[in-house]
Amino acid sequence: MEKSITRDFHDYIASTLQLQEVDVNSYSPLVLAYIGDCVYDLVIKSKVISRGNTQVHKLHEETSRYVQASSQSKMMRAMQPCLTKEEHAIYRRGRNAKSVSPAKNQSITDYRRATGFEALIGFLYLRKEYDRLMELIKIGLKNLKDEENTDEQKQMG
């Protein structure tokens, strides 16, 4: 029986801080996006630092490429065909939520799609569906890499 460190850490946080269980469905889509942003940021930072020790500025630059709204939007487009009805409903609620903060240097479409992406990540995290969360992130990251390779090929030829 394999036990995930993430599950242990999540449970450790909850027990140490004596957090009470809350029904995930009671959270607004923007609250789901709030925690989803943090979870996704941690996943990407873990990926970036796994390549070895380097200057923090370079780590930040690489991380920023993945966490900006336009990248999350591209990832979401690739993930959408793979979503269950419930996941798609969570994404739509996040995408359609009226945010207080404006999109910074991003199109409103990318910003809204990214908010839906983050809401979905937050939802899966709070439901402790870590395998599904990572499966979807991997689909999105593969799409970003494929698009990057296509762009490089176009520039070369």
N, C-alpha and C. Protein backbone atom coordinates (compact mmCIF):
# COMPACT_ATOMS: atom_id res chain seq x y z
N MET A 1 0.85 -1.18 0.00
CA MET A 1 0.00 0.00 0.00
C MET A 1 0.89 1.24 0.00
N GLU A 2 0.79 2.04 -1.05
CA GLU A 2 1.60 3.24 -1.20
C GLU A 2 0.87 4.43 -0.58
N LYS A 3 1.59 5.16 0.25
CA LYS A 3 0.99 6.34 0.88
C LYS A 3 1.73 7.58 0.40
N SER A 4 0.98 8.55 -0.04
CA SER A 4 1.55 9.76 -0.61
C SER A 4 2.05 10.70 0.47
N ILE A 5 3.22 11.29 0.23
CA ILE A 5 3.76 12.30 1.14
C ILE A 5 2.82 13.50 1.17
N THR A 6 2.27 13.84 0.02
CA THR A 6 1.36 14.98 -0.05
C THR A 6 0.16 14.75 0.86
N ARG A 7 -0.39 13.57 0.81
CA ARG A 7 -1.53 13.26 1.67
C ARG A 7 -1.13 13.39 3.13
N ASP A 8 0.04 12.90 3.47
CA ASP A 8 0.52 13.01 4.83
C ASP A 8 0.71 14.47 5.23
N PHE A 9 1.26 15.27 4.33
CA PHE A 9 1.50 16.67 4.62
C PHE A 9 0.19 17.43 4.79
N HIS A 10 -0.76 17.18 3.90
CA HIS A 10 -2.07 17.82 4.00
C HIS A 10 -2.73 17.47 5.33
N ASP A 11 -2.70 16.19 5.67
CA ASP A 11 -3.29 15.75 6.93
C ASP A 11 -2.52 16.33 8.13
N TYR A 12 -1.20 16.44 7.96
CA TYR A 12 -0.36 17.00 9.03
C TYR A 12 -0.73 18.47 9.28
N ILE A 13 -0.90 19.24 8.23
CA ILE A 13 -1.30 20.64 8.37
C ILE A 13 -2.64 20.71 9.08
N ALA A 14 -3.59 19.92 8.62
CA ALA A 14 -4.94 19.95 9.19
C ALA A 14 -4.93 19.56 10.66
N SER A 15 -4.18 18.53 11.01
CA SER A 15 -4.19 18.10 12.42
C SER A 15 -3.39 19.06 13.30
N THR A 16 -2.26 19.55 12.82
CA THR A 16 -1.44 20.45 13.61
C THR A 16 -2.16 21.76 13.90
N LEU A 17 -2.84 22.28 12.89
CA LEU A 17 -3.54 23.55 13.06
C LEU A 17 -4.99 23.36 13.51
N GLN A 18 -5.37 22.11 13.70
CA GLN A 18 -6.72 21.75 14.14
C GLN A 18 -7.77 22.39 13.23
N LEU A 19 -7.58 22.18 11.93
CA LEU A 19 -8.51 22.72 10.95
C LEU A 19 -9.75 21.84 10.90
N GLN A 20 -10.88 22.48 10.80
CA GLN A 20 -12.11 21.70 10.70
C GLN A 20 -12.42 21.39 9.25
N GLU A 21 -13.05 20.26 9.04
CA GLU A 21 -13.47 19.86 7.70
C GLU A 21 -14.56 20.80 7.20
N VAL A 22 -14.44 21.23 5.97
CA VAL A 22 -15.45 22.09 5.35
C VAL A 22 -15.86 21.43 4.05
N ASP A 23 -17.14 21.46 3.74
CA ASP A 23 -17.62 20.91 2.49
C ASP A 23 -17.05 21.74 1.33
N VAL A 24 -16.29 21.09 0.48
CA VAL A 24 -15.64 21.77 -0.64
C VAL A 24 -16.66 22.49 -1.51
N ASN A 25 -17.84 21.93 -1.65
CA ASN A 25 -18.87 22.54 -2.50
C ASN A 25 -19.40 23.85 -1.92
N SER A 26 -19.08 24.15 -0.67
CA SER A 26 -19.56 25.39 -0.07
C SER A 26 -18.65 26.58 -0.39
N TYR A 27 -17.48 26.32 -0.95
CA TYR A 27 -16.55 27.40 -1.27
C TYR A 27 -16.95 28.09 -2.57
N SER A 28 -16.76 29.40 -2.60
CA SER A 28 -16.99 30.15 -3.84
C SER A 28 -15.90 29.78 -4.84
N PRO A 29 -16.15 29.97 -6.13
CA PRO A 29 -15.12 29.66 -7.12
C PRO A 29 -13.85 30.49 -6.94
N LEU A 30 -13.98 31.71 -6.44
CA LEU A 30 -12.78 32.52 -6.24
C LEU A 30 -11.95 32.04 -5.05
N VAL A 31 -12.60 31.46 -4.05
CA VAL A 31 -11.85 30.86 -2.94
C VAL A 31 -11.13 29.60 -3.45
N LEU A 32 -11.79 28.82 -4.28
CA LEU A 32 -11.14 27.65 -4.87
C LEU A 32 -9.94 28.09 -5.71
N ALA A 33 -10.10 29.17 -6.48
CA ALA A 33 -9.00 29.68 -7.30
C ALA A 33 -7.85 30.19 -6.42
N TYR A 34 -8.19 30.78 -5.29
CA TYR A 34 -7.19 31.31 -4.36
C TYR A 34 -6.25 30.19 -3.88
N ILE A 35 -6.83 29.07 -3.44
CA ILE A 35 -5.98 27.97 -2.96
C ILE A 35 -5.37 27.24 -4.16
N GLY A 36 -6.11 27.15 -5.26
CA GLY A 36 -5.59 26.49 -6.46
C GLY A 36 -4.36 27.18 -7.01
N ASP A 37 -4.34 28.50 -6.94
CA ASP A 37 -3.18 29.28 -7.37
C ASP A 37 -1.95 28.87 -6.56
N CYS A 38 -2.12 28.73 -5.27
CA CYS A 38 -1.00 28.36 -4.38
C CYS A 38 -0.52 26.94 -4.67
N VAL A 39 -1.46 26.03 -4.84
CA VAL A 39 -1.11 24.63 -5.10
C VAL A 39 -0.36 24.51 -6.42
N TYR A 40 -0.90 25.15 -7.47
CA TYR A 40 -0.26 25.10 -8.77
C TYR A 40 1.13 25.73 -8.72
N ASP A 41 1.26 26.84 -8.01
CA ASP A 41 2.55 27.51 -7.85
C ASP A 41 3.56 26.56 -7.19
N LEU A 42 3.13 25.83 -6.17
CA LEU A 42 4.02 24.89 -5.49
C LEU A 42 4.43 23.75 -6.43
N VAL A 43 3.50 23.25 -7.22
CA VAL A 43 3.82 22.19 -8.18
C VAL A 43 4.87 22.68 -9.17
N ILE A 44 4.67 23.86 -9.72
CA ILE A 44 5.61 24.40 -10.71
C ILE A 44 6.96 24.70 -10.08
N LYS A 45 6.97 25.31 -8.90
CA LYS A 45 8.25 25.59 -8.25
C LYS A 45 8.99 24.30 -7.92
N SER A 46 8.27 23.26 -7.54
CA SER A 46 8.90 21.96 -7.29
C SER A 46 9.53 21.42 -8.58
N LYS A 47 8.82 21.57 -9.68
CA LYS A 47 9.33 21.12 -10.99
C LYS A 47 10.60 21.90 -11.37
N VAL A 48 10.54 23.20 -11.20
CA VAL A 48 11.66 24.06 -11.61
C VAL A 48 12.92 23.80 -10.77
N ILE A 49 12.77 23.66 -9.46
CA ILE A 49 13.97 23.47 -8.63
C ILE A 49 14.53 22.06 -8.75
N SER A 50 13.75 21.14 -9.29
CA SER A 50 14.23 19.76 -9.42
C SER A 50 15.38 19.66 -10.42
N ARG A 51 15.57 20.69 -11.21
CA ARG A 51 16.64 20.68 -12.20
C ARG A 51 17.99 21.03 -11.60
N GLY A 52 18.00 21.39 -10.32
CA GLY A 52 19.26 21.67 -9.64
C GLY A 52 19.34 23.10 -9.14
N ASN A 53 20.35 23.35 -8.37
CA ASN A 53 20.57 24.64 -7.75
C ASN A 53 20.94 25.68 -8.81
N THR A 54 20.28 26.81 -8.77
CA THR A 54 20.57 27.90 -9.70
C THR A 54 20.15 29.22 -9.05
N GLN A 55 20.39 30.32 -9.72
CA GLN A 55 20.04 31.62 -9.18
C GLN A 55 18.53 31.75 -9.03
N VAL A 56 18.11 32.36 -7.93
CA VAL A 56 16.69 32.51 -7.65
C VAL A 56 16.01 33.33 -8.74
N HIS A 57 16.69 34.32 -9.26
CA HIS A 57 16.10 35.14 -10.33
C HIS A 57 15.75 34.27 -11.54
N LYS A 58 16.64 33.35 -11.90
CA LYS A 58 16.37 32.45 -13.04
C LYS A 58 15.22 31.50 -12.72
N LEU A 59 15.17 31.04 -11.48
CA LEU A 59 14.05 30.18 -11.06
C LEU A 59 12.73 30.93 -11.19
N HIS A 60 12.75 32.18 -10.75
CA HIS A 60 11.54 33.01 -10.81
C HIS A 60 11.09 33.23 -12.26
N GLU A 61 12.04 33.51 -13.14
CA GLU A 61 11.70 33.74 -14.55
C GLU A 61 11.07 32.50 -15.17
N GLU A 62 11.64 31.33 -14.90
CA GLU A 62 11.08 30.11 -15.47
C GLU A 62 9.71 29.80 -14.87
N THR A 63 9.57 29.99 -13.57
CA THR A 63 8.29 29.75 -12.91
C THR A 63 7.23 30.68 -13.49
N SER A 64 7.58 31.93 -13.70
CA SER A 64 6.63 32.92 -14.22
C SER A 64 6.06 32.52 -15.57
N ARG A 65 6.86 31.87 -16.40
CA ARG A 65 6.37 31.42 -17.71
C ARG A 65 5.22 30.43 -17.57
N TYR A 66 5.26 29.62 -16.54
CA TYR A 66 4.24 28.59 -16.33
C TYR A 66 3.00 29.11 -15.60
N VAL A 67 3.19 30.07 -14.72
CA VAL A 67 2.06 30.49 -13.87
C VAL A 67 1.30 31.70 -14.41
N GLN A 68 1.76 32.28 -15.49
CA GLN A 68 1.02 33.42 -16.05
C GLN A 68 -0.30 32.94 -16.66
N ALA A 69 -1.25 33.82 -16.70
CA ALA A 69 -2.60 33.49 -17.15
C ALA A 69 -2.61 32.90 -18.57
N SER A 70 -1.80 33.42 -19.46
CA SER A 70 -1.81 32.91 -20.83
C SER A 70 -1.38 31.45 -20.89
N SER A 71 -0.41 31.05 -20.08
CA SER A 71 0.02 29.66 -20.04
C SER A 71 -1.05 28.77 -19.41
N GLN A 72 -1.65 29.24 -18.33
CA GLN A 72 -2.72 28.47 -17.70
C GLN A 72 -3.90 28.32 -18.65
N SER A 73 -4.17 29.34 -19.42
CA SER A 73 -5.25 29.30 -20.39
C SER A 73 -4.98 28.23 -21.46
N LYS A 74 -3.75 28.19 -21.96
CA LYS A 74 -3.37 27.18 -22.95
C LYS A 74 -3.47 25.78 -22.34
N MET A 75 -3.04 25.64 -21.11
CA MET A 75 -3.14 24.34 -20.43
C MET A 75 -4.60 23.92 -20.31
N MET A 76 -5.45 24.87 -19.94
CA MET A 76 -6.86 24.56 -19.73
C MET A 76 -7.51 24.10 -21.03
N ARG A 77 -7.16 24.72 -22.14
CA ARG A 77 -7.72 24.31 -23.43
C ARG A 77 -7.39 22.84 -23.72
N ALA A 78 -6.18 22.42 -23.38
CA ALA A 78 -5.77 21.03 -23.60
C ALA A 78 -6.47 20.08 -22.62
N MET A 79 -6.73 20.55 -21.42
CA MET A 79 -7.33 19.71 -20.38
C MET A 79 -8.83 19.53 -20.56
N GLN A 80 -9.51 20.52 -21.13
CA GLN A 80 -10.97 20.52 -21.20
C GLN A 80 -11.58 19.23 -21.75
N PRO A 81 -11.07 18.66 -22.83
CA PRO A 81 -11.70 17.43 -23.34
C PRO A 81 -11.59 16.25 -22.36
N CYS A 82 -10.68 16.35 -21.40
CA CYS A 82 -10.45 15.25 -20.45
C CYS A 82 -11.26 15.40 -19.16
N LEU A 83 -11.97 16.51 -19.00
CA LEU A 83 -12.67 16.78 -17.75
C LEU A 83 -13.96 15.99 -17.62
N THR A 84 -14.27 15.62 -16.38
CA THR A 84 -15.57 15.02 -16.09
C THR A 84 -16.60 16.15 -16.09
N LYS A 85 -17.87 15.80 -16.04
CA LYS A 85 -18.93 16.82 -15.99
C LYS A 85 -18.77 17.68 -14.75
N GLU A 86 -18.48 17.07 -13.62
CA GLU A 86 -18.31 17.82 -12.37
C GLU A 86 -17.12 18.77 -12.46
N GLU A 87 -15.99 18.30 -12.98
CA GLU A 87 -14.80 19.14 -13.12
C GLU A 87 -15.07 20.29 -14.08
N HIS A 88 -15.77 20.00 -15.16
CA HIS A 88 -16.09 21.07 -16.12
C HIS A 88 -16.99 22.13 -15.48
N ALA A 89 -17.91 21.69 -14.64
CA ALA A 89 -18.80 22.65 -13.95
C ALA A 89 -18.00 23.54 -13.00
N ILE A 90 -17.03 22.97 -12.30
CA ILE A 90 -16.18 23.76 -11.40
C ILE A 90 -15.36 24.76 -12.22
N TYR A 91 -14.77 24.28 -13.32
CA TYR A 91 -14.01 25.17 -14.19
C TYR A 91 -14.87 26.34 -14.68
N ARG A 92 -16.08 26.03 -15.16
CA ARG A 92 -16.99 27.07 -15.67
C ARG A 92 -17.34 28.08 -14.58
N ARG A 93 -17.61 27.60 -13.36
CA ARG A 93 -17.92 28.51 -12.26
C ARG A 93 -16.75 29.45 -12.01
N GLY A 94 -15.53 28.92 -12.02
CA GLY A 94 -14.35 29.76 -11.82
C GLY A 94 -14.14 30.73 -12.96
N ARG A 95 -14.31 30.25 -14.17
CA ARG A 95 -14.14 31.11 -15.36
C ARG A 95 -15.13 32.26 -15.37
N ASN A 96 -16.36 32.00 -14.94
CA ASN A 96 -17.42 33.00 -14.99
C ASN A 96 -17.51 33.88 -13.75
N ALA A 97 -16.70 33.58 -12.74
CA ALA A 97 -16.73 34.37 -11.49
C ALA A 97 -16.24 35.79 -11.76
N LYS A 98 -16.88 36.73 -11.14
CA LYS A 98 -16.49 38.14 -11.29
C LYS A 98 -15.39 38.46 -10.28
N SER A 99 -14.20 38.64 -10.79
CA SER A 99 -13.05 38.93 -9.94
C SER A 99 -12.96 40.43 -9.66
N VAL A 100 -12.47 40.75 -8.48
CA VAL A 100 -12.30 42.15 -8.10
C VAL A 100 -11.08 42.75 -8.79
N SER A 101 -10.01 41.95 -8.90
CA SER A 101 -8.78 42.46 -9.49
C SER A 101 -8.81 42.32 -11.01
N PRO A 102 -8.31 43.31 -11.71
CA PRO A 102 -8.29 43.25 -13.18
C PRO A 102 -7.16 42.35 -13.68
N ALA A 103 -7.26 41.92 -14.92
CA ALA A 103 -6.20 41.14 -15.53
C ALA A 103 -4.99 42.03 -15.76
N LYS A 104 -3.83 41.58 -15.29
CA LYS A 104 -2.61 42.36 -15.44
C LYS A 104 -1.84 41.86 -16.66
N ASN A 105 -1.74 42.67 -17.67
CA ASN A 105 -0.99 42.34 -18.88
C ASN A 105 -1.46 41.05 -19.54
N GLN A 106 -2.71 40.69 -19.38
CA GLN A 106 -3.26 39.48 -19.96
C GLN A 106 -4.61 39.83 -20.59
N SER A 107 -5.01 39.05 -21.56
CA SER A 107 -6.33 39.26 -22.12
C SER A 107 -7.37 38.82 -21.09
N ILE A 108 -8.54 39.41 -21.14
CA ILE A 108 -9.60 39.05 -20.20
C ILE A 108 -10.00 37.59 -20.38
N THR A 109 -9.94 37.10 -21.62
CA THR A 109 -10.27 35.69 -21.90
C THR A 109 -9.27 34.76 -21.21
N ASP A 110 -7.97 35.05 -21.38
CA ASP A 110 -6.95 34.22 -20.72
C ASP A 110 -7.08 34.30 -19.21
N TYR A 111 -7.33 35.51 -18.70
CA TYR A 111 -7.45 35.70 -17.26
C TYR A 111 -8.61 34.89 -16.70
N ARG A 112 -9.73 34.92 -17.36
CA ARG A 112 -10.91 34.18 -16.87
C ARG A 112 -10.69 32.68 -16.98
N ARG A 113 -10.12 32.24 -18.10
CA ARG A 113 -9.85 30.81 -18.26
C ARG A 113 -8.84 30.35 -17.19
N ALA A 114 -7.85 31.18 -16.88
CA ALA A 114 -6.87 30.85 -15.84
C ALA A 114 -7.53 30.78 -14.47
N THR A 115 -8.49 31.65 -14.21
CA THR A 115 -9.21 31.61 -12.94
C THR A 115 -10.00 30.31 -12.83
N GLY A 116 -10.59 29.87 -13.92
CA GLY A 116 -11.29 28.58 -13.94
C GLY A 116 -10.33 27.43 -13.70
N PHE A 117 -9.15 27.51 -14.32
CA PHE A 117 -8.09 26.51 -14.14
C PHE A 117 -7.72 26.42 -12.66
N GLU A 118 -7.46 27.58 -12.04
CA GLU A 118 -7.05 27.60 -10.64
C GLU A 118 -8.18 27.10 -9.73
N ALA A 119 -9.42 27.42 -10.06
CA ALA A 119 -10.56 26.93 -9.27
C ALA A 119 -10.61 25.41 -9.32
N LEU A 120 -10.39 24.85 -10.50
CA LEU A 120 -10.39 23.39 -10.64
C LEU A 120 -9.26 22.77 -9.84
N ILE A 121 -8.08 23.35 -9.90
CA ILE A 121 -6.94 22.84 -9.13
C ILE A 121 -7.25 22.91 -7.63
N GLY A 122 -7.81 24.02 -7.18
CA GLY A 122 -8.18 24.16 -5.78
C GLY A 122 -9.22 23.15 -5.35
N PHE A 123 -10.20 22.92 -6.19
CA PHE A 123 -11.26 21.95 -5.91
C PHE A 123 -10.66 20.55 -5.75
N LEU A 124 -9.82 20.14 -6.69
CA LEU A 124 -9.22 18.81 -6.61
C LEU A 124 -8.31 18.68 -5.39
N TYR A 125 -7.59 19.74 -5.08
CA TYR A 125 -6.72 19.73 -3.90
C TYR A 125 -7.54 19.56 -2.62
N LEU A 126 -8.58 20.34 -2.47
CA LEU A 126 -9.39 20.27 -1.25
C LEU A 126 -10.14 18.94 -1.15
N ARG A 127 -10.42 18.32 -2.27
CA ARG A 127 -11.06 17.00 -2.26
C ARG A 127 -10.03 15.89 -2.08
N LYS A 128 -8.77 16.26 -2.01
CA LYS A 128 -7.65 15.32 -1.86
C LYS A 128 -7.56 14.36 -3.04
N GLU A 129 -7.92 14.85 -4.21
CA GLU A 129 -7.81 14.07 -5.44
C GLU A 129 -6.50 14.42 -6.14
N TYR A 130 -5.40 14.09 -5.46
CA TYR A 130 -4.07 14.50 -5.92
C TYR A 130 -3.66 13.82 -7.21
N ASP A 131 -4.01 12.55 -7.37
CA ASP A 131 -3.64 11.86 -8.61
C ASP A 131 -4.31 12.52 -9.81
N ARG A 132 -5.58 12.86 -9.67
CA ARG A 132 -6.31 13.51 -10.76
C ARG A 132 -5.76 14.91 -11.02
N LEU A 133 -5.47 15.64 -9.95
CA LEU A 133 -4.90 16.98 -10.06
C LEU A 133 -3.61 16.93 -10.89
N MET A 134 -2.73 15.99 -10.55
CA MET A 134 -1.45 15.89 -11.25
C MET A 134 -1.63 15.38 -12.68
N GLU A 135 -2.58 14.49 -12.89
CA GLU A 135 -2.86 13.99 -14.23
C GLU A 135 -3.25 15.14 -15.15
N LEU A 136 -4.12 16.01 -14.68
CA LEU A 136 -4.56 17.16 -15.50
C LEU A 136 -3.42 18.15 -15.71
N ILE A 137 -2.64 18.42 -14.67
CA ILE A 137 -1.51 19.35 -14.82
C ILE A 137 -0.52 18.79 -15.85
N LYS A 138 -0.26 17.50 -15.81
CA LYS A 138 0.66 16.90 -16.78
C LYS A 138 0.14 17.04 -18.20
N ILE A 139 -1.16 16.89 -18.41
CA ILE A 139 -1.75 17.09 -19.74
C ILE A 139 -1.50 18.52 -20.20
N GLY A 140 -1.75 19.47 -19.31
CA GLY A 140 -1.54 20.88 -19.64
C GLY A 140 -0.10 21.21 -19.92
N LEU A 141 0.81 20.69 -19.10
CA LEU A 141 2.24 20.96 -19.30
C LEU A 141 2.74 20.36 -20.61
N LYS A 142 2.25 19.17 -20.94
CA LYS A 142 2.64 18.54 -22.21
C LYS A 142 2.19 19.41 -23.37
N ASN A 143 1.00 19.97 -23.28
CA ASN A 143 0.50 20.85 -24.33
C ASN A 143 1.39 22.09 -24.47
N LEU A 144 1.79 22.68 -23.34
CA LEU A 144 2.68 23.85 -23.40
C LEU A 144 3.99 23.50 -24.09
N LYS A 145 4.55 22.34 -23.74
CA LYS A 145 5.82 21.91 -24.33
C LYS A 145 5.65 21.66 -25.82
N ASP A 146 4.54 21.01 -26.21
CA ASP A 146 4.28 20.75 -27.63
C ASP A 146 4.15 22.05 -28.40
N GLU A 147 3.44 23.03 -27.84
CA GLU A 147 3.28 24.33 -28.51
C GLU A 147 4.63 25.04 -28.64
N GLU A 148 5.45 24.94 -27.59
CA GLU A 148 6.77 25.56 -27.61
C GLU A 148 7.63 24.93 -28.70
N ASN A 149 7.59 23.60 -28.82
CA ASN A 149 8.36 22.91 -29.87
C ASN A 149 7.88 23.29 -31.26
N THR A 150 6.56 23.41 -31.43
CA THR A 150 5.99 23.82 -32.72
C THR A 150 6.44 25.23 -33.08
N ASP A 151 6.42 26.14 -32.10
CA ASP A 151 6.87 27.51 -32.35
C ASP A 151 8.33 27.55 -32.74
N GLU A 152 9.17 26.74 -32.08
CA GLU A 152 10.59 26.70 -32.41
C GLU A 152 10.81 26.17 -33.83
N GLN A 153 10.04 25.16 -34.21
CA GLN A 153 10.16 24.59 -35.57
C GLN A 153 9.76 25.62 -36.62
N LYS A 154 8.72 26.40 -36.33
CA LYS A 154 8.28 27.43 -37.27
C LYS A 154 9.37 28.49 -37.45
N GLN A 155 10.03 28.84 -36.37
CA GLN A 155 11.08 29.87 -36.42
C GLN A 155 12.30 29.37 -37.20
N MET A 156 12.58 28.08 -37.11
CA MET A 156 13.75 27.52 -37.76
C MET A 156 13.52 27.24 -39.25
N GLY A 157 12.29 27.01 -39.64
CA GLY A 157 12.10 26.58 -41.01
C GLY A 157 11.08 27.34 -41.70
